[in-house]
Amino acid sequence: MAARRCLCVSQTPRIDTHFVHFVTAVFEIVYTSLATRDLGAAELTALLDQARRANQARGITGMMMYRKREFLQLLEGERAQVEALYERIARDDRHQQMAKIWDGPIQERSCGEWEMAFLAPDDASLQSRPGYRDLMDRGLIAASGDSVGKKLLLNLRDDFLGGR
């Protein structure tokens, strides 16, 4: 006896729009740059205040490290917003020698609690924790090349800011 094949359609499926959530992929850019001049505490504070307000309005989170005129920064959020911010930073006259270490989609945010976390560790702070010798010897830009940059930022986040 031949097997019967049957395609049964009882109803057109309905989608309950109350339970549909549109998930936008999170995008990330990690870059380094060199400040055109040494930025003092007041100028860094003003920069951070401005960045945090703008990032909150755009749904961007991230983390920035500044040490001896070198920046290492992670930006995360909706792709168009993150790329537009990166382009604005590239045009900012406080930055030169920008180098993108990584960009691409990510599963989840690394710094979701902060519009912009900030670190400016001094030598004594770095010496008191293992694993930062290369950063101290070679500088932030040289020590954070390729995929090491994000790992360095996440280690700094965990060691100095207490994790996510």
N, C-alpha and C. Protein backbone atom coordinates (compact mmCIF):
# COMPACT_ATOMS: atom_id res chain seq x y z
N MET A 1 0.84 -1.16 0.00
CA MET A 1 0.00 0.00 0.00
C MET A 1 0.89 1.25 0.00
N ALA A 2 0.59 2.18 -0.85
CA ALA A 2 1.39 3.40 -0.98
C ALA A 2 1.11 4.34 0.18
N ALA A 3 2.14 5.00 0.63
CA ALA A 3 1.98 5.96 1.72
C ALA A 3 1.22 7.17 1.21
N ARG A 4 0.36 7.68 2.05
CA ARG A 4 -0.43 8.85 1.67
C ARG A 4 0.32 10.11 2.08
N ARG A 5 0.33 11.05 1.20
CA ARG A 5 0.92 12.34 1.51
C ARG A 5 -0.19 13.35 1.58
N CYS A 6 -0.16 14.12 2.60
CA CYS A 6 -1.24 15.07 2.79
C CYS A 6 -0.67 16.39 3.30
N LEU A 7 -1.00 17.45 2.66
CA LEU A 7 -0.63 18.77 3.14
C LEU A 7 -1.92 19.39 3.65
N CYS A 8 -2.01 19.57 4.92
CA CYS A 8 -3.22 20.09 5.53
C CYS A 8 -2.97 21.50 6.04
N VAL A 9 -3.77 22.42 5.61
CA VAL A 9 -3.69 23.79 6.09
C VAL A 9 -5.03 24.13 6.67
N SER A 10 -5.06 24.33 7.97
CA SER A 10 -6.34 24.62 8.60
C SER A 10 -6.64 26.11 8.60
N GLN A 11 -5.65 26.93 8.83
CA GLN A 11 -5.85 28.37 8.88
C GLN A 11 -4.57 29.07 8.45
N THR A 12 -4.72 30.30 8.08
CA THR A 12 -3.55 31.13 7.86
C THR A 12 -3.03 31.54 9.23
N PRO A 13 -1.75 31.34 9.48
CA PRO A 13 -1.24 31.71 10.80
C PRO A 13 -1.37 33.22 11.04
N ARG A 14 -1.66 33.56 12.27
CA ARG A 14 -1.76 34.97 12.65
C ARG A 14 -0.58 35.33 13.53
N ILE A 15 -0.12 36.54 13.36
CA ILE A 15 0.98 37.04 14.18
C ILE A 15 0.40 38.02 15.17
N ASP A 16 0.63 37.74 16.43
CA ASP A 16 0.18 38.66 17.47
C ASP A 16 1.25 39.74 17.61
N THR A 17 0.95 40.92 17.11
CA THR A 17 1.94 42.00 17.09
C THR A 17 2.30 42.50 18.47
N HIS A 18 1.54 42.15 19.47
CA HIS A 18 1.90 42.55 20.83
C HIS A 18 3.15 41.83 21.33
N PHE A 19 3.46 40.70 20.71
CA PHE A 19 4.58 39.91 21.18
C PHE A 19 5.74 39.86 20.19
N VAL A 20 5.65 40.63 19.14
CA VAL A 20 6.72 40.66 18.15
C VAL A 20 7.70 41.75 18.55
N HIS A 21 8.94 41.39 18.65
CA HIS A 21 9.99 42.35 18.97
C HIS A 21 10.97 42.37 17.81
N PHE A 22 11.24 43.52 17.31
CA PHE A 22 12.21 43.65 16.25
C PHE A 22 13.58 43.82 16.88
N VAL A 23 14.45 42.92 16.56
CA VAL A 23 15.78 42.93 17.14
C VAL A 23 16.74 43.53 16.11
N THR A 24 17.39 44.58 16.50
CA THR A 24 18.39 45.20 15.66
C THR A 24 19.75 44.68 16.09
N ALA A 25 20.51 44.20 15.14
CA ALA A 25 21.84 43.69 15.47
C ALA A 25 22.68 44.81 16.06
N VAL A 26 23.48 44.46 17.03
CA VAL A 26 24.38 45.42 17.65
C VAL A 26 25.67 45.42 16.83
N PHE A 27 26.17 46.60 16.58
CA PHE A 27 27.38 46.79 15.78
C PHE A 27 28.43 47.46 16.66
N GLU A 28 29.68 47.17 16.37
CA GLU A 28 30.74 47.68 17.22
C GLU A 28 31.92 48.14 16.37
N ILE A 29 32.55 49.22 16.83
CA ILE A 29 33.82 49.67 16.26
C ILE A 29 34.79 49.86 17.42
N VAL A 30 36.01 49.36 17.26
CA VAL A 30 37.10 49.59 18.20
C VAL A 30 38.20 50.29 17.41
N TYR A 31 38.68 51.40 17.93
CA TYR A 31 39.71 52.15 17.21
C TYR A 31 40.71 52.77 18.18
N THR A 32 41.83 53.18 17.63
CA THR A 32 42.82 53.96 18.36
C THR A 32 43.02 55.28 17.63
N SER A 33 43.47 56.27 18.37
CA SER A 33 43.87 57.54 17.77
C SER A 33 44.85 58.23 18.70
N LEU A 34 45.51 59.21 18.14
CA LEU A 34 46.46 60.01 18.90
C LEU A 34 45.89 61.42 19.00
N ALA A 35 45.84 61.94 20.22
CA ALA A 35 45.36 63.31 20.42
C ALA A 35 46.37 64.28 19.81
N THR A 36 45.87 65.34 19.21
CA THR A 36 46.76 66.33 18.60
C THR A 36 47.56 67.10 19.64
N ARG A 37 47.07 67.07 20.87
CA ARG A 37 47.77 67.72 21.99
C ARG A 37 47.34 67.01 23.27
N ASP A 38 48.07 67.22 24.33
CA ASP A 38 47.70 66.63 25.62
C ASP A 38 46.39 67.26 26.09
N LEU A 39 45.43 66.44 26.48
CA LEU A 39 44.15 66.93 26.96
C LEU A 39 44.15 66.90 28.48
N GLY A 40 43.86 68.03 29.09
CA GLY A 40 43.81 68.12 30.55
C GLY A 40 42.51 67.55 31.10
N ALA A 41 42.44 67.45 32.40
CA ALA A 41 41.27 66.88 33.07
C ALA A 41 39.99 67.62 32.72
N ALA A 42 40.02 68.93 32.70
CA ALA A 42 38.80 69.71 32.39
C ALA A 42 38.33 69.46 30.97
N GLU A 43 39.26 69.40 30.02
CA GLU A 43 38.88 69.15 28.63
C GLU A 43 38.35 67.73 28.43
N LEU A 44 38.97 66.76 29.10
CA LEU A 44 38.48 65.38 29.02
C LEU A 44 37.08 65.26 29.64
N THR A 45 36.86 65.94 30.76
CA THR A 45 35.54 65.91 31.40
C THR A 45 34.48 66.51 30.48
N ALA A 46 34.80 67.63 29.85
CA ALA A 46 33.85 68.25 28.91
C ALA A 46 33.59 67.33 27.72
N LEU A 47 34.62 66.70 27.20
CA LEU A 47 34.47 65.75 26.09
C LEU A 47 33.57 64.59 26.48
N LEU A 48 33.79 64.04 27.68
CA LEU A 48 32.98 62.93 28.15
C LEU A 48 31.52 63.33 28.38
N ASP A 49 31.30 64.49 28.97
CA ASP A 49 29.93 64.96 29.18
C ASP A 49 29.19 65.08 27.86
N GLN A 50 29.84 65.67 26.88
CA GLN A 50 29.24 65.83 25.55
C GLN A 50 28.97 64.46 24.92
N ALA A 51 29.95 63.56 24.99
CA ALA A 51 29.80 62.22 24.40
C ALA A 51 28.68 61.45 25.06
N ARG A 52 28.58 61.53 26.36
CA ARG A 52 27.54 60.77 27.08
C ARG A 52 26.14 61.26 26.72
N ARG A 53 25.96 62.57 26.62
CA ARG A 53 24.65 63.10 26.23
C ARG A 53 24.28 62.67 24.81
N ALA A 54 25.23 62.82 23.90
CA ALA A 54 24.97 62.45 22.49
C ALA A 54 24.75 60.95 22.35
N ASN A 55 25.54 60.15 23.05
CA ASN A 55 25.40 58.70 22.96
C ASN A 55 24.07 58.23 23.51
N GLN A 56 23.63 58.83 24.60
CA GLN A 56 22.34 58.45 25.17
C GLN A 56 21.21 58.72 24.17
N ALA A 57 21.27 59.84 23.50
CA ALA A 57 20.24 60.19 22.51
C ALA A 57 20.26 59.25 21.31
N ARG A 58 21.41 58.65 21.02
CA ARG A 58 21.55 57.79 19.83
C ARG A 58 21.57 56.30 20.16
N GLY A 59 21.45 55.95 21.43
CA GLY A 59 21.47 54.53 21.81
C GLY A 59 22.85 53.90 21.69
N ILE A 60 23.89 54.71 21.82
CA ILE A 60 25.26 54.20 21.73
C ILE A 60 25.83 54.05 23.13
N THR A 61 26.54 52.95 23.33
CA THR A 61 27.28 52.73 24.57
C THR A 61 28.73 52.47 24.21
N GLY A 62 29.60 52.48 25.22
CA GLY A 62 30.99 52.20 24.92
C GLY A 62 31.93 52.52 26.05
N MET A 63 33.20 52.54 25.68
CA MET A 63 34.24 52.75 26.66
C MET A 63 35.42 53.43 25.97
N MET A 64 36.03 54.37 26.68
CA MET A 64 37.18 55.08 26.15
C MET A 64 38.30 55.06 27.17
N MET A 65 39.49 54.82 26.67
CA MET A 65 40.68 54.90 27.51
C MET A 65 41.56 55.99 26.92
N TYR A 66 42.12 56.81 27.80
CA TYR A 66 43.03 57.87 27.39
C TYR A 66 44.28 57.77 28.24
N ARG A 67 45.43 57.71 27.58
CA ARG A 67 46.70 57.61 28.30
C ARG A 67 47.80 58.18 27.43
N LYS A 68 48.47 59.20 27.94
CA LYS A 68 49.61 59.81 27.25
C LYS A 68 49.29 60.17 25.81
N ARG A 69 48.19 60.91 25.63
CA ARG A 69 47.71 61.41 24.34
C ARG A 69 47.15 60.32 23.43
N GLU A 70 47.07 59.09 23.89
CA GLU A 70 46.54 58.01 23.06
C GLU A 70 45.13 57.64 23.51
N PHE A 71 44.24 57.44 22.53
CA PHE A 71 42.88 56.98 22.78
C PHE A 71 42.74 55.55 22.30
N LEU A 72 42.00 54.76 23.05
CA LEU A 72 41.50 53.46 22.62
C LEU A 72 40.04 53.48 22.97
N GLN A 73 39.18 53.29 21.97
CA GLN A 73 37.75 53.43 22.23
C GLN A 73 36.95 52.32 21.57
N LEU A 74 35.90 51.90 22.27
CA LEU A 74 34.94 50.93 21.79
C LEU A 74 33.59 51.64 21.72
N LEU A 75 32.93 51.57 20.57
CA LEU A 75 31.60 52.14 20.37
C LEU A 75 30.66 51.01 19.97
N GLU A 76 29.46 50.97 20.53
CA GLU A 76 28.52 49.90 20.19
C GLU A 76 27.10 50.44 20.15
N GLY A 77 26.32 49.90 19.22
CA GLY A 77 24.94 50.32 19.06
C GLY A 77 24.45 49.94 17.67
N GLU A 78 23.42 50.66 17.19
CA GLU A 78 22.88 50.42 15.86
C GLU A 78 23.94 50.83 14.83
N ARG A 79 24.12 50.03 13.81
CA ARG A 79 25.24 50.21 12.86
C ARG A 79 25.33 51.62 12.30
N ALA A 80 24.26 52.15 11.77
CA ALA A 80 24.30 53.48 11.15
C ALA A 80 24.72 54.54 12.15
N GLN A 81 24.24 54.43 13.39
CA GLN A 81 24.59 55.41 14.42
C GLN A 81 26.07 55.31 14.80
N VAL A 82 26.57 54.09 14.95
CA VAL A 82 27.97 53.88 15.35
C VAL A 82 28.91 54.35 14.23
N GLU A 83 28.59 54.01 12.99
CA GLU A 83 29.45 54.43 11.88
C GLU A 83 29.44 55.96 11.72
N ALA A 84 28.27 56.58 11.90
CA ALA A 84 28.19 58.04 11.80
C ALA A 84 29.02 58.70 12.90
N LEU A 85 28.97 58.14 14.11
CA LEU A 85 29.77 58.69 15.21
C LEU A 85 31.26 58.54 14.92
N TYR A 86 31.65 57.39 14.43
CA TYR A 86 33.06 57.17 14.10
C TYR A 86 33.54 58.20 13.08
N GLU A 87 32.72 58.47 12.08
CA GLU A 87 33.08 59.47 11.06
C GLU A 87 33.19 60.86 11.66
N ARG A 88 32.30 61.21 12.60
CA ARG A 88 32.39 62.52 13.27
C ARG A 88 33.69 62.62 14.08
N ILE A 89 34.03 61.55 14.77
CA ILE A 89 35.27 61.53 15.56
C ILE A 89 36.47 61.69 14.62
N ALA A 90 36.44 61.03 13.47
CA ALA A 90 37.54 61.11 12.52
C ALA A 90 37.75 62.54 12.02
N ARG A 91 36.68 63.34 11.98
CA ARG A 91 36.78 64.74 11.55
C ARG A 91 37.12 65.69 12.70
N ASP A 92 37.08 65.21 13.93
CA ASP A 92 37.36 66.04 15.10
C ASP A 92 38.84 66.40 15.13
N ASP A 93 39.14 67.68 15.27
CA ASP A 93 40.53 68.12 15.21
C ASP A 93 41.35 67.72 16.44
N ARG A 94 40.74 67.08 17.42
CA ARG A 94 41.50 66.58 18.57
C ARG A 94 42.13 65.22 18.29
N HIS A 95 41.73 64.57 17.18
CA HIS A 95 42.22 63.23 16.85
C HIS A 95 43.07 63.26 15.58
N GLN A 96 44.09 62.42 15.58
CA GLN A 96 44.90 62.19 14.38
C GLN A 96 45.32 60.72 14.40
N GLN A 97 45.80 60.24 13.28
CA GLN A 97 46.29 58.86 13.16
C GLN A 97 45.25 57.84 13.64
N MET A 98 43.99 58.04 13.27
CA MET A 98 42.96 57.07 13.66
C MET A 98 43.18 55.76 12.93
N ALA A 99 43.01 54.68 13.66
CA ALA A 99 43.15 53.34 13.09
C ALA A 99 42.03 52.46 13.63
N LYS A 100 41.21 51.96 12.75
CA LYS A 100 40.14 51.06 13.15
C LYS A 100 40.74 49.68 13.37
N ILE A 101 40.56 49.16 14.57
CA ILE A 101 41.07 47.83 14.91
C ILE A 101 40.06 46.76 14.52
N TRP A 102 38.79 47.07 14.72
CA TRP A 102 37.73 46.08 14.47
C TRP A 102 36.44 46.81 14.23
N ASP A 103 35.64 46.27 13.33
CA ASP A 103 34.25 46.67 13.23
C ASP A 103 33.44 45.48 12.75
N GLY A 104 32.24 45.37 13.27
CA GLY A 104 31.38 44.27 12.87
C GLY A 104 30.26 44.06 13.86
N PRO A 105 29.37 43.13 13.51
CA PRO A 105 28.25 42.82 14.41
C PRO A 105 28.73 42.04 15.62
N ILE A 106 28.03 42.22 16.73
CA ILE A 106 28.34 41.49 17.96
C ILE A 106 27.05 40.93 18.53
N GLN A 107 27.17 39.91 19.35
CA GLN A 107 26.02 39.26 19.95
C GLN A 107 25.36 40.12 21.02
N GLU A 108 26.19 40.76 21.83
CA GLU A 108 25.67 41.60 22.90
C GLU A 108 26.66 42.71 23.21
N ARG A 109 26.16 43.73 23.85
CA ARG A 109 27.01 44.86 24.21
C ARG A 109 28.00 44.48 25.31
N SER A 110 29.18 45.03 25.21
CA SER A 110 30.19 44.84 26.24
C SER A 110 30.11 45.90 27.32
N CYS A 111 29.54 47.05 26.99
CA CYS A 111 29.50 48.19 27.91
C CYS A 111 28.08 48.76 27.97
N GLY A 112 27.11 47.90 28.01
CA GLY A 112 25.72 48.31 27.94
C GLY A 112 25.24 49.22 29.06
N GLU A 113 25.95 49.25 30.16
CA GLU A 113 25.54 50.10 31.29
C GLU A 113 26.03 51.53 31.17
N TRP A 114 26.92 51.80 30.22
CA TRP A 114 27.57 53.10 30.17
C TRP A 114 27.39 53.77 28.81
N GLU A 115 26.92 55.03 28.84
CA GLU A 115 26.92 55.79 27.60
C GLU A 115 28.36 55.98 27.14
N MET A 116 29.28 56.11 28.08
CA MET A 116 30.70 56.12 27.77
C MET A 116 31.48 55.94 29.07
N ALA A 117 31.93 54.70 29.28
CA ALA A 117 32.82 54.44 30.41
C ALA A 117 34.17 55.09 30.08
N PHE A 118 34.91 55.45 31.09
CA PHE A 118 36.17 56.15 30.86
C PHE A 118 37.24 55.67 31.81
N LEU A 119 38.43 55.49 31.26
CA LEU A 119 39.60 55.12 32.05
C LEU A 119 40.78 55.98 31.63
N ALA A 120 41.53 56.42 32.60
CA ALA A 120 42.79 57.13 32.36
C ALA A 120 43.78 56.67 33.43
N PRO A 121 44.15 55.38 33.40
CA PRO A 121 45.01 54.87 34.47
C PRO A 121 46.43 55.43 34.40
N ASP A 122 46.99 55.68 35.56
CA ASP A 122 48.37 56.13 35.62
C ASP A 122 49.28 54.90 35.74
N ASP A 123 50.59 55.14 35.67
CA ASP A 123 51.54 54.03 35.73
C ASP A 123 51.40 53.22 37.02
N ALA A 124 51.20 53.88 38.13
CA ALA A 124 51.09 53.16 39.41
C ALA A 124 49.89 52.22 39.41
N SER A 125 48.78 52.65 38.85
CA SER A 125 47.58 51.80 38.78
C SER A 125 47.83 50.58 37.90
N LEU A 126 48.51 50.79 36.79
CA LEU A 126 48.79 49.68 35.88
C LEU A 126 49.82 48.73 36.47
N GLN A 127 50.82 49.27 37.16
CA GLN A 127 51.85 48.42 37.76
C GLN A 127 51.28 47.53 38.86
N SER A 128 50.23 47.99 39.51
CA SER A 128 49.67 47.22 40.62
C SER A 128 48.82 46.04 40.16
N ARG A 129 48.58 45.92 38.86
CA ARG A 129 47.79 44.83 38.32
C ARG A 129 48.61 44.07 37.27
N PRO A 130 48.56 42.75 37.31
CA PRO A 130 49.33 41.97 36.33
C PRO A 130 48.75 42.10 34.92
N GLY A 131 49.63 41.99 33.93
CA GLY A 131 49.16 41.93 32.55
C GLY A 131 49.21 43.22 31.77
N TYR A 132 49.66 44.31 32.36
CA TYR A 132 49.66 45.59 31.65
C TYR A 132 51.07 46.11 31.34
N ARG A 133 52.06 45.25 31.47
CA ARG A 133 53.45 45.66 31.21
C ARG A 133 53.62 46.14 29.76
N ASP A 134 53.05 45.40 28.80
CA ASP A 134 53.17 45.75 27.39
C ASP A 134 52.56 47.12 27.12
N LEU A 135 51.43 47.38 27.75
CA LEU A 135 50.78 48.68 27.61
C LEU A 135 51.68 49.79 28.12
N MET A 136 52.33 49.56 29.23
CA MET A 136 53.21 50.58 29.81
C MET A 136 54.47 50.78 28.97
N ASP A 137 55.01 49.68 28.44
CA ASP A 137 56.27 49.75 27.70
C ASP A 137 56.09 50.32 26.29
N ARG A 138 55.07 49.86 25.59
CA ARG A 138 54.92 50.21 24.18
C ARG A 138 53.92 51.32 23.91
N GLY A 139 53.05 51.58 24.86
CA GLY A 139 52.02 52.59 24.64
C GLY A 139 50.71 51.95 24.22
N LEU A 140 49.68 52.70 24.34
CA LEU A 140 48.32 52.21 24.10
C LEU A 140 48.09 51.78 22.66
N ILE A 141 48.53 52.59 21.71
CA ILE A 141 48.28 52.28 20.30
C ILE A 141 49.02 51.01 19.89
N ALA A 142 50.30 50.92 20.21
CA ALA A 142 51.09 49.74 19.83
C ALA A 142 50.62 48.48 20.55
N ALA A 143 50.21 48.62 21.80
CA ALA A 143 49.80 47.45 22.60
C ALA A 143 48.41 46.95 22.25
N SER A 144 47.63 47.71 21.47
CA SER A 144 46.24 47.32 21.23
C SER A 144 45.96 46.97 19.78
N GLY A 145 46.98 46.66 19.02
CA GLY A 145 46.79 46.31 17.62
C GLY A 145 45.96 45.07 17.42
N ASP A 146 45.34 44.99 16.26
CA ASP A 146 44.51 43.86 15.84
C ASP A 146 43.43 43.54 16.87
N SER A 147 43.24 42.26 17.17
CA SER A 147 42.15 41.86 18.06
C SER A 147 42.50 42.09 19.53
N VAL A 148 43.72 42.44 19.82
CA VAL A 148 44.14 42.65 21.20
C VAL A 148 43.44 43.88 21.80
N GLY A 149 43.09 44.86 20.96
CA GLY A 149 42.49 46.10 21.45
C GLY A 149 41.22 45.90 22.24
N LYS A 150 40.30 45.10 21.71
CA LYS A 150 39.05 44.87 22.43
C LYS A 150 39.32 44.08 23.71
N LYS A 151 40.17 43.09 23.61
CA LYS A 151 40.49 42.30 24.80
C LYS A 151 41.10 43.18 25.88
N LEU A 152 41.99 44.08 25.47
CA LEU A 152 42.60 45.00 26.42
C LEU A 152 41.55 45.88 27.08
N LEU A 153 40.63 46.42 26.28
CA LEU A 153 39.57 47.25 26.85
C LEU A 153 38.70 46.47 27.83
N LEU A 154 38.33 45.25 27.46
CA LEU A 154 37.48 44.46 28.35
C LEU A 154 38.21 44.08 29.63
N ASN A 155 39.51 43.79 29.54
CA ASN A 155 40.29 43.53 30.76
C ASN A 155 40.35 44.77 31.63
N LEU A 156 40.58 45.92 31.02
CA LEU A 156 40.61 47.18 31.78
C LEU A 156 39.24 47.45 32.41
N ARG A 157 38.18 47.21 31.65
CA ARG A 157 36.82 47.38 32.19
C ARG A 157 36.65 46.53 33.45
N ASP A 158 37.02 45.27 33.35
CA ASP A 158 36.83 44.36 34.49
C ASP A 158 37.74 44.71 35.66
N ASP A 159 38.99 45.08 35.37
CA ASP A 159 39.95 45.36 36.44
C ASP A 159 39.73 46.72 37.11
N PHE A 160 39.31 47.71 36.34
CA PHE A 160 39.22 49.07 36.89
C PHE A 160 37.79 49.54 37.14
N LEU A 161 36.83 48.99 36.41
CA LEU A 161 35.45 49.45 36.54
C LEU A 161 34.52 48.40 37.13
N GLY A 162 35.03 47.25 37.43
CA GLY A 162 34.21 46.22 38.08
C GLY A 162 33.28 45.48 37.15
N GLY A 163 33.67 45.26 35.91
CA GLY A 163 32.85 44.46 34.99
C GLY A 163 31.77 45.27 34.34
N ARG A 164 30.81 44.55 33.80
CA ARG A 164 29.74 45.16 33.03
C ARG A 164 28.91 46.00 33.93
